[in-house]
Amino acid sequence: EAEAARVALRHVAEVREATLIAALRASEEDVSRVEVGTAEARADACSRAASQAKALEQLREAEGELQQIAEALEDTRATLDLEAGLRLASDEKVMVLTQEALEARATLLEAKEDVAALGR
């Protein structure tokens, strides 16, 4: 009976040991799956961060290009304003010269009439 009890206890101990080993292996597999999942998540996060960094760099480049375009447009506007001012000044000068020419013509006509009147 004692021998049967020892055999039964040994059998129970072996079953417990096998159960513990199986549970340990299952836990190790779970840990491995979690580690793999964590590594994949880290890789995804790194990939997203790299994509975001690249997008940010492209955005900065685009901002620089837009700034250059804005400066070029401002230069063009200033040039057009200057040209418009010169045209306006030129038009005003033409008007003044035209007025002076008309006045000179009127004076010349008056002088011709005076000369004709003196000749009569």
Foldseek 3Di string as FASTA:
>chain_A
DVVVVVVVVVVVVVVVVVVVVVVVVVVVVVVVVVVVVVVVVVVVVVVVVVVVVVVVVVVVVVVVVVVVVVVVVVVVVVVVVVVVVVVVVVVVVVVVVVVVVVVVVVVVVVVVVVVVVVVD
